[in-house]
Each structure stands twice: as C-alpha cells, then as structure tokens.
PDB file of all heavy atoms in Angstrom:
ATOM      1  N   GLY A   1     -30.298 -46.261 -11.600  1.00  0.00           N
ATOM      2  CA  GLY A   1     -29.855 -46.061 -10.351  1.00  0.00           C
ATOM      3  C   GLY A   1     -28.991 -47.147  -9.802  1.00  0.00           C
ATOM      4  O   GLY A   1     -27.856 -46.950  -9.183  1.00  0.00           O
ATOM      5  N   GLY A   2     -29.241 -48.359 -10.119  1.00  0.00           N
ATOM      6  CA  GLY A   2     -28.551 -49.463  -9.689  1.00  0.00           C
ATOM      7  C   GLY A   2     -27.138 -49.426 -10.367  1.00  0.00           C
ATOM      8  O   GLY A   2     -26.026 -49.848  -9.804  1.00  0.00           O
ATOM      9  N   CYS A   3     -27.082 -49.079 -11.722  1.00  0.00           N
ATOM     10  CA  CYS A   3     -25.839 -49.007 -12.300  1.00  0.00           C
ATOM     11  C   CYS A   3     -24.927 -47.909 -11.710  1.00  0.00           C
ATOM     12  O   CYS A   3     -23.715 -48.061 -11.592  1.00  0.00           O
ATOM     13  CB  CYS A   3     -25.989 -48.686 -13.774  1.00  0.00           C
ATOM     14  SG  CYS A   3     -26.496 -50.167 -14.730  1.00  0.00           S
ATOM     15  N   SER A   4     -25.529 -46.596 -11.276  1.00  0.00           N
ATOM     16  CA  SER A   4     -24.736 -45.701 -10.735  1.00  0.00           C
ATOM     17  C   SER A   4     -24.254 -46.099  -9.341  1.00  0.00           C
ATOM     18  O   SER A   4     -22.991 -45.883  -9.029  1.00  0.00           O
ATOM     19  CB  SER A   4     -25.723 -44.455 -10.459  1.00  0.00           C
ATOM     20  OG  SER A   4     -25.928 -43.733 -11.735  1.00  0.00           O
ATOM     21  N   VAL A   5     -25.115 -46.661  -8.633  1.00  0.00           N
ATOM     22  CA  VAL A   5     -24.553 -47.203  -7.323  1.00  0.00           C
ATOM     23  C   VAL A   5     -23.506 -48.215  -7.414  1.00  0.00           C
ATOM     24  O   VAL A   5     -22.518 -48.153  -6.761  1.00  0.00           O
ATOM     25  CB  VAL A   5     -25.704 -47.830  -6.499  1.00  0.00           C
ATOM     26  CG1 VAL A   5     -25.193 -48.531  -5.265  1.00  0.00           C
ATOM     27  CG2 VAL A   5     -26.727 -46.780  -6.111  1.00  0.00           C
ATOM     28  N   ALA A   6     -23.566 -49.073  -8.342  1.00  0.00           N
ATOM     29  CA  ALA A   6     -22.617 -50.166  -8.644  1.00  0.00           C
ATOM     30  C   ALA A   6     -21.253 -49.490  -9.107  1.00  0.00           C
ATOM     31  O   ALA A   6     -20.188 -49.975  -8.727  1.00  0.00           O
ATOM     32  CB  ALA A   6     -23.039 -51.143  -9.731  1.00  0.00           C
ATOM     33  N   ALA A   7     -21.397 -48.502  -9.971  1.00  0.00           N
ATOM     34  CA  ALA A   7     -20.230 -47.793 -10.450  1.00  0.00           C
ATOM     35  C   ALA A   7     -19.406 -47.076  -9.400  1.00  0.00           C
ATOM     36  O   ALA A   7     -18.158 -47.078  -9.350  1.00  0.00           O
ATOM     37  CB  ALA A   7     -20.546 -46.809 -11.591  1.00  0.00           C
ATOM     38  N   VAL A   8     -20.170 -46.646  -8.351  1.00  0.00           N
ATOM     39  CA  VAL A   8     -19.527 -45.807  -7.283  1.00  0.00           C
ATOM     40  C   VAL A   8     -19.017 -46.725  -6.298  1.00  0.00           C
ATOM     41  O   VAL A   8     -17.885 -46.426  -5.813  1.00  0.00           O
ATOM     42  CB  VAL A   8     -20.537 -44.821  -6.692  1.00  0.00           C
ATOM     43  CG1 VAL A   8     -19.922 -44.175  -5.372  1.00  0.00           C
ATOM     44  CG2 VAL A   8     -20.884 -43.665  -7.675  1.00  0.00           C
ATOM     45  N   THR A   9     -19.651 -47.771  -5.943  1.00  0.00           N
ATOM     46  CA  THR A   9     -19.323 -48.611  -4.960  1.00  0.00           C
ATOM     47  C   THR A   9     -18.406 -49.889  -5.316  1.00  0.00           C
ATOM     48  O   THR A   9     -17.741 -50.468  -4.399  1.00  0.00           O
ATOM     49  CB  THR A   9     -20.475 -49.202  -4.024  1.00  0.00           C
ATOM     50  OG1 THR A   9     -21.284 -49.895  -5.041  1.00  0.00           O
ATOM     51  CG2 THR A   9     -21.229 -47.989  -3.605  1.00  0.00           C
ATOM     52  N   GLY A  10     -18.540 -50.310  -6.565  1.00  0.00           N
ATOM     53  CA  GLY A  10     -17.856 -51.471  -7.031  1.00  0.00           C
ATOM     54  C   GLY A  10     -16.535 -51.227  -7.630  1.00  0.00           C
ATOM     55  O   GLY A  10     -15.789 -52.345  -8.027  1.00  0.00           O
ATOM     56  N   GLY A  11     -16.100 -49.933  -7.863  1.00  0.00           N
ATOM     57  CA  GLY A  11     -14.744 -49.733  -8.326  1.00  0.00           C
ATOM     58  C   GLY A  11     -14.661 -50.000  -9.929  1.00  0.00           C
ATOM     59  O   GLY A  11     -15.657 -49.971 -10.473  1.00  0.00           O
ATOM     60  N   ARG A  12     -13.425 -50.116 -10.351  1.00  0.00           N
ATOM     61  CA  ARG A  12     -13.107 -50.240 -11.636  1.00  0.00           C
ATOM     62  C   ARG A  12     -13.697 -51.370 -12.377  1.00  0.00           C
ATOM     63  O   ARG A  12     -14.274 -51.230 -13.577  1.00  0.00           O
ATOM     64  CB  ARG A  12     -11.618 -50.252 -11.840  1.00  0.00           C
ATOM     65  CG  ARG A  12     -11.160 -50.274 -13.306  1.00  0.00           C
ATOM     66  CD  ARG A  12      -9.666 -50.161 -13.473  1.00  0.00           C
ATOM     67  NE  ARG A  12      -9.357 -50.265 -14.924  1.00  0.00           N
ATOM     68  CZ  ARG A  12      -9.205 -49.301 -15.764  1.00  0.00           C
ATOM     69  NH1 ARG A  12      -9.753 -48.095 -15.387  1.00  0.00           N
ATOM     70  NH2 ARG A  12      -8.933 -49.487 -16.964  1.00  0.00           N
ATOM     71  N   TRP A  13     -13.789 -52.524 -11.701  1.00  0.00           N
ATOM     72  CA  TRP A  13     -14.339 -53.685 -12.373  1.00  0.00           C
ATOM     73  C   TRP A  13     -15.919 -53.505 -12.623  1.00  0.00           C
ATOM     74  O   TRP A  13     -16.374 -53.902 -13.641  1.00  0.00           O
ATOM     75  CB  TRP A  13     -14.045 -54.977 -11.598  1.00  0.00           C
ATOM     76  CG  TRP A  13     -12.579 -55.366 -11.845  1.00  0.00           C
ATOM     77  CD1 TRP A  13     -11.534 -55.258 -10.929  1.00  0.00           C
ATOM     78  CD2 TRP A  13     -11.968 -55.794 -12.922  1.00  0.00           C
ATOM     79  NE1 TRP A  13     -10.329 -55.672 -11.458  1.00  0.00           N
ATOM     80  CE2 TRP A  13     -10.564 -55.843 -12.786  1.00  0.00           C
ATOM     81  CE3 TRP A  13     -12.487 -56.019 -14.387  1.00  0.00           C
ATOM     82  CZ2 TRP A  13      -9.616 -56.537 -13.792  1.00  0.00           C
ATOM     83  CZ3 TRP A  13     -11.543 -56.594 -15.156  1.00  0.00           C
ATOM     84  CH2 TRP A  13     -10.246 -56.844 -14.943  1.00  0.00           C
ATOM     85  N   ALA A  14     -16.482 -52.907 -11.761  1.00  0.00           N
ATOM     86  CA  ALA A  14     -17.907 -52.619 -11.977  1.00  0.00           C
ATOM     87  C   ALA A  14     -18.138 -51.721 -13.095  1.00  0.00           C
ATOM     88  O   ALA A  14     -19.024 -51.772 -13.887  1.00  0.00           O
ATOM     89  CB  ALA A  14     -18.587 -52.078 -10.632  1.00  0.00           C
ATOM     90  N   VAL A  15     -17.316 -50.596 -13.246  1.00  0.00           N
ATOM     91  CA  VAL A  15     -17.454 -49.780 -14.202  1.00  0.00           C
ATOM     92  C   VAL A  15     -17.150 -50.477 -15.687  1.00  0.00           C
ATOM     93  O   VAL A  15     -17.876 -50.268 -16.648  1.00  0.00           O
ATOM     94  CB  VAL A  15     -16.335 -48.495 -14.106  1.00  0.00           C
ATOM     95  CG1 VAL A  15     -16.333 -47.654 -15.347  1.00  0.00           C
ATOM     96  CG2 VAL A  15     -16.796 -47.630 -12.902  1.00  0.00           C
ATOM     97  N   LEU A  16     -16.145 -51.324 -15.689  1.00  0.00           N
ATOM     98  CA  LEU A  16     -15.790 -51.976 -16.821  1.00  0.00           C
ATOM     99  C   LEU A  16     -16.946 -52.910 -17.244  1.00  0.00           C
ATOM    100  O   LEU A  16     -17.267 -53.181 -18.538  1.00  0.00           O
ATOM    101  CB  LEU A  16     -14.513 -52.842 -16.597  1.00  0.00           C
ATOM    102  CG  LEU A  16     -13.339 -51.985 -16.598  1.00  0.00           C
ATOM    103  CD1 LEU A  16     -12.123 -52.829 -16.226  1.00  0.00           C
ATOM    104  CD2 LEU A  16     -12.977 -51.466 -18.031  1.00  0.00           C
ATOM    105  N   THR A  17     -17.529 -53.646 -16.248  1.00  0.00           N
ATOM    106  CA  THR A  17     -18.686 -54.448 -16.601  1.00  0.00           C
ATOM    107  C   THR A  17     -19.944 -53.739 -17.259  1.00  0.00           C
ATOM    108  O   THR A  17     -20.512 -54.171 -18.262  1.00  0.00           O
ATOM    109  CB  THR A  17     -19.163 -55.264 -15.352  1.00  0.00           C
ATOM    110  OG1 THR A  17     -18.136 -56.022 -14.778  1.00  0.00           O
ATOM    111  CG2 THR A  17     -20.351 -56.138 -15.590  1.00  0.00           C
ATOM    112  N   ILE A  18     -20.234 -52.573 -16.553  1.00  0.00           N
ATOM    113  CA  ILE A  18     -21.226 -51.751 -17.088  1.00  0.00           C
ATOM    114  C   ILE A  18     -21.027 -51.353 -18.566  1.00  0.00           C
ATOM    115  O   ILE A  18     -21.848 -51.322 -19.402  1.00  0.00           O
ATOM    116  CB  ILE A  18     -21.570 -50.531 -16.222  1.00  0.00           C
ATOM    117  CG1 ILE A  18     -22.098 -50.984 -14.847  1.00  0.00           C
ATOM    118  CG2 ILE A  18     -22.570 -49.620 -16.948  1.00  0.00           C
ATOM    119  CD1 ILE A  18     -21.950 -49.824 -13.828  1.00  0.00           C
ATOM    120  N   LEU A  19     -19.738 -50.881 -18.778  1.00  0.00           N
ATOM    121  CA  LEU A  19     -19.348 -50.413 -20.104  1.00  0.00           C
ATOM    122  C   LEU A  19     -19.360 -51.664 -21.049  1.00  0.00           C
ATOM    123  O   LEU A  19     -19.948 -51.447 -22.163  1.00  0.00           O
ATOM    124  CB  LEU A  19     -17.991 -49.745 -20.101  1.00  0.00           C
ATOM    125  CG  LEU A  19     -17.728 -48.466 -19.332  1.00  0.00           C
ATOM    126  CD1 LEU A  19     -16.319 -48.007 -19.325  1.00  0.00           C
ATOM    127  CD2 LEU A  19     -18.639 -47.432 -20.008  1.00  0.00           C
ATOM    128  N   PHE A  20     -18.825 -52.704 -20.672  1.00  0.00           N
ATOM    129  CA  PHE A  20     -18.843 -53.847 -21.451  1.00  0.00           C
ATOM    130  C   PHE A  20     -20.172 -54.291 -22.073  1.00  0.00           C
ATOM    131  O   PHE A  20     -20.510 -54.509 -23.109  1.00  0.00           O
ATOM    132  CB  PHE A  20     -18.045 -55.047 -20.861  1.00  0.00           C
ATOM    133  CG  PHE A  20     -18.377 -56.468 -21.541  1.00  0.00           C
ATOM    134  CD1 PHE A  20     -17.583 -56.727 -22.726  1.00  0.00           C
ATOM    135  CD2 PHE A  20     -19.136 -57.492 -20.993  1.00  0.00           C
ATOM    136  CE1 PHE A  20     -17.853 -57.898 -23.402  1.00  0.00           C
ATOM    137  CE2 PHE A  20     -19.241 -58.506 -21.623  1.00  0.00           C
ATOM    138  CZ  PHE A  20     -18.689 -58.815 -22.905  1.00  0.00           C
ATOM    139  N   VAL A  21     -21.134 -54.487 -21.039  1.00  0.00           N
ATOM    140  CA  VAL A  21     -22.506 -54.845 -21.477  1.00  0.00           C
ATOM    141  C   VAL A  21     -23.114 -54.017 -22.354  1.00  0.00           C
ATOM    142  O   VAL A  21     -23.658 -54.334 -23.377  1.00  0.00           O
ATOM    143  CB  VAL A  21     -23.266 -55.069 -20.112  1.00  0.00           C
ATOM    144  CG1 VAL A  21     -24.853 -55.250 -20.369  1.00  0.00           C
ATOM    145  CG2 VAL A  21     -22.832 -56.213 -19.221  1.00  0.00           C
ATOM    146  N   HIS A  22     -23.028 -52.678 -22.160  1.00  0.00           N
ATOM    147  CA  HIS A  22     -23.801 -51.730 -22.907  1.00  0.00           C
ATOM    148  C   HIS A  22     -23.105 -51.446 -24.253  1.00  0.00           C
ATOM    149  O   HIS A  22     -23.704 -51.164 -25.243  1.00  0.00           O
ATOM    150  CB  HIS A  22     -23.970 -50.407 -22.187  1.00  0.00           C
ATOM    151  CG  HIS A  22     -24.901 -50.510 -21.144  1.00  0.00           C
ATOM    152  ND1 HIS A  22     -24.676 -51.005 -19.694  1.00  0.00           N
ATOM    153  CD2 HIS A  22     -26.362 -50.321 -21.036  1.00  0.00           C
ATOM    154  CE1 HIS A  22     -25.788 -50.972 -19.117  1.00  0.00           C
ATOM    155  NE2 HIS A  22     -26.831 -50.652 -19.888  1.00  0.00           N
ATOM    156  N   LEU A  23     -21.693 -51.627 -24.259  1.00  0.00           N
ATOM    157  CA  LEU A  23     -21.058 -51.530 -25.575  1.00  0.00           C
ATOM    158  C   LEU A  23     -21.287 -52.666 -26.501  1.00  0.00           C
ATOM    159  O   LEU A  23     -21.483 -52.398 -27.705  1.00  0.00           O
ATOM    160  CB  LEU A  23     -19.550 -51.373 -25.287  1.00  0.00           C
ATOM    161  CG  LEU A  23     -19.129 -49.967 -24.735  1.00  0.00           C
ATOM    162  CD1 LEU A  23     -17.594 -49.996 -24.454  1.00  0.00           C
ATOM    163  CD2 LEU A  23     -19.489 -48.858 -25.645  1.00  0.00           C
ATOM    164  N   VAL A  24     -21.449 -53.815 -25.938  1.00  0.00           N
ATOM    165  CA  VAL A  24     -21.863 -54.940 -26.821  1.00  0.00           C
ATOM    166  C   VAL A  24     -23.288 -54.699 -27.354  1.00  0.00           C
ATOM    167  O   VAL A  24     -23.504 -54.959 -28.543  1.00  0.00           O
ATOM    168  CB  VAL A  24     -21.862 -56.291 -25.973  1.00  0.00           C
ATOM    169  CG1 VAL A  24     -22.522 -57.354 -26.657  1.00  0.00           C
ATOM    170  CG2 VAL A  24     -20.372 -56.733 -25.628  1.00  0.00           C
ATOM    171  N   LEU A  25     -24.206 -54.315 -26.540  1.00  0.00           N
ATOM    172  CA  LEU A  25     -25.475 -53.957 -27.020  1.00  0.00           C
ATOM    173  C   LEU A  25     -25.555 -52.811 -28.013  1.00  0.00           C
ATOM    174  O   LEU A  25     -26.225 -52.884 -28.922  1.00  0.00           O
ATOM    175  CB  LEU A  25     -26.460 -53.587 -25.787  1.00  0.00           C
ATOM    176  CG  LEU A  25     -26.739 -54.753 -24.766  1.00  0.00           C
ATOM    177  CD1 LEU A  25     -27.659 -54.098 -23.699  1.00  0.00           C
ATOM    178  CD2 LEU A  25     -27.452 -55.881 -25.448  1.00  0.00           C
ATOM    179  N   ALA A  26     -24.676 -51.934 -27.916  1.00  0.00           N
ATOM    180  CA  ALA A  26     -24.511 -50.692 -28.807  1.00  0.00           C
ATOM    181  C   ALA A  26     -24.044 -51.280 -30.192  1.00  0.00           C
ATOM    182  O   ALA A  26     -24.596 -50.848 -31.204  1.00  0.00           O
ATOM    183  CB  ALA A  26     -23.693 -49.640 -28.291  1.00  0.00           C
ATOM    184  N   VAL A  27     -23.077 -52.134 -30.174  1.00  0.00           N
ATOM    185  CA  VAL A  27     -22.588 -52.826 -31.307  1.00  0.00           C
ATOM    186  C   VAL A  27     -23.688 -53.592 -32.073  1.00  0.00           C
ATOM    187  O   VAL A  27     -23.987 -53.462 -33.173  1.00  0.00           O
ATOM    188  CB  VAL A  27     -21.440 -53.663 -31.183  1.00  0.00           C
ATOM    189  CG1 VAL A  27     -21.078 -54.468 -32.455  1.00  0.00           C
ATOM    190  CG2 VAL A  27     -20.109 -52.826 -30.619  1.00  0.00           C
ATOM    191  N   GLU A  28     -24.500 -54.378 -31.212  1.00  0.00           N
ATOM    192  CA  GLU A  28     -25.513 -55.181 -31.783  1.00  0.00           C
ATOM    193  C   GLU A  28     -26.713 -54.285 -32.311  1.00  0.00           C
ATOM    194  O   GLU A  28     -27.291 -54.656 -33.367  1.00  0.00           O
ATOM    195  CB  GLU A  28     -26.233 -56.009 -30.733  1.00  0.00           C
ATOM    196  CG  GLU A  28     -25.290 -57.128 -30.120  1.00  0.00           C
ATOM    197  CD  GLU A  28     -25.178 -58.374 -31.057  1.00  0.00           C
ATOM    198  OE1 GLU A  28     -25.936 -58.391 -32.073  1.00  0.00           O
ATOM    199  OE2 GLU A  28     -24.459 -59.223 -30.786  1.00  0.00           O
ATOM    200  N   GLY A  29     -26.898 -53.048 -31.860  1.00  0.00           N
ATOM    201  CA  GLY A  29     -27.907 -52.169 -32.430  1.00  0.00           C
ATOM    202  C   GLY A  29     -27.515 -51.384 -33.447  1.00  0.00           C
ATOM    203  O   GLY A  29     -27.997 -51.247 -34.558  1.00  0.00           O
ATOM    204  N   LEU A  30     -26.369 -50.588 -33.410  1.00  0.00           N
ATOM    205  CA  LEU A  30     -25.981 -49.623 -34.291  1.00  0.00           C
ATOM    206  C   LEU A  30     -25.218 -50.268 -35.556  1.00  0.00           C
ATOM    207  O   LEU A  30     -25.282 -49.817 -36.682  1.00  0.00           O
ATOM    208  CB  LEU A  30     -24.969 -48.708 -33.668  1.00  0.00           C
ATOM    209  CG  LEU A  30     -25.506 -47.842 -32.536  1.00  0.00           C
ATOM    210  CD1 LEU A  30     -24.425 -46.973 -31.971  1.00  0.00           C
ATOM    211  CD2 LEU A  30     -26.479 -46.874 -33.094  1.00  0.00           C
ATOM    212  N   LEU A  31     -24.487 -51.375 -35.236  1.00  0.00           N
ATOM    213  CA  LEU A  31     -23.748 -52.194 -36.379  1.00  0.00           C
ATOM    214  C   LEU A  31     -24.392 -53.505 -36.471  1.00  0.00           C
ATOM    215  O   LEU A  31     -23.669 -54.568 -36.588  1.00  0.00           O
ATOM    216  CB  LEU A  31     -22.353 -52.225 -36.174  1.00  0.00           C
ATOM    217  CG  LEU A  31     -21.666 -50.897 -35.728  1.00  0.00           C
ATOM    218  CD1 LEU A  31     -20.133 -51.158 -35.336  1.00  0.00           C
ATOM    219  CD2 LEU A  31     -21.566 -50.046 -37.073  1.00  0.00           C
ATOM    220  N   TRP A  32     -25.773 -53.604 -36.503  1.00  0.00           N
ATOM    221  CA  TRP A  32     -26.440 -54.848 -36.436  1.00  0.00           C
ATOM    222  C   TRP A  32     -26.095 -55.794 -37.661  1.00  0.00           C
ATOM    223  O   TRP A  32     -25.932 -57.026 -37.447  1.00  0.00           O
ATOM    224  CB  TRP A  32     -28.009 -54.637 -36.317  1.00  0.00           C
ATOM    225  CG  TRP A  32     -28.592 -53.991 -37.631  1.00  0.00           C
ATOM    226  CD1 TRP A  32     -28.622 -52.723 -37.929  1.00  0.00           C
ATOM    227  CD2 TRP A  32     -29.252 -54.734 -38.632  1.00  0.00           C
ATOM    228  NE1 TRP A  32     -29.254 -52.446 -38.995  1.00  0.00           N
ATOM    229  CE2 TRP A  32     -29.707 -53.702 -39.598  1.00  0.00           C
ATOM    230  CE3 TRP A  32     -29.629 -56.074 -38.845  1.00  0.00           C
ATOM    231  CZ2 TRP A  32     -30.393 -53.923 -40.618  1.00  0.00           C
ATOM    232  CZ3 TRP A  32     -30.234 -56.350 -40.038  1.00  0.00           C
ATOM    233  CH2 TRP A  32     -30.674 -55.361 -40.863  1.00  0.00           C
ATOM    234  N   ARG A  33     -25.895 -55.308 -38.879  1.00  0.00           N
ATOM    235  CA  ARG A  33     -25.576 -56.169 -39.982  1.00  0.00           C
ATOM    236  C   ARG A  33     -24.214 -56.773 -39.814  1.00  0.00           C
ATOM    237  O   ARG A  33     -24.056 -57.934 -39.975  1.00  0.00           O
ATOM    238  CB  ARG A  33     -25.549 -55.354 -41.307  1.00  0.00           C
ATOM    239  CG  ARG A  33     -27.010 -54.843 -41.751  1.00  0.00           C
ATOM    240  CD  ARG A  33     -26.989 -54.183 -43.040  1.00  0.00           C
ATOM    241  NE  ARG A  33     -28.211 -53.670 -43.486  1.00  0.00           N
ATOM    242  CZ  ARG A  33     -29.222 -54.321 -44.118  1.00  0.00           C
ATOM    243  NH1 ARG A  33     -28.977 -55.574 -44.337  1.00  0.00           N
ATOM    244  NH2 ARG A  33     -30.373 -53.681 -44.451  1.00  0.00           N
ATOM    245  N   ALA A  34     -23.315 -56.053 -39.434  1.00  0.00           N
ATOM    246  CA  ALA A  34     -21.919 -56.524 -39.121  1.00  0.00           C
ATOM    247  C   ALA A  34     -21.962 -57.494 -38.090  1.00  0.00           C
ATOM    248  O   ALA A  34     -21.216 -58.470 -38.103  1.00  0.00           O
ATOM    249  CB  ALA A  34     -20.905 -55.468 -38.916  1.00  0.00           C
ATOM    250  N   ALA A  35     -22.677 -57.093 -36.999  1.00  0.00           N
ATOM    251  CA  ALA A  35     -22.725 -58.087 -35.785  1.00  0.00           C
ATOM    252  C   ALA A  35     -23.314 -59.369 -36.144  1.00  0.00           C
ATOM    253  O   ALA A  35     -22.826 -60.384 -35.633  1.00  0.00           O
ATOM    254  CB  ALA A  35     -23.502 -57.276 -34.650  1.00  0.00           C
TER     255      ALA A  35
END
C-alpha cells in the first residue's frame, strides 16, 4: 500500500525508485549466480 501511494503521489521519480529497488532484487534472486 505504501508503494502504491508513493507511486501515485510521488510522480515519476517515485515510480523509478520503486522499480529500481525491486529490479535489483529481482536480478539478485533470479540471476543470483551472475549477480
């Protein structure tokens, strides 16, 4: 819920921050050997 509120109220940079954090985690999880 906090991420949804941040995405709606924080504009593009909030969306980019949410995507960045979770994409880094996705790389760490899905491509863990390469990471």
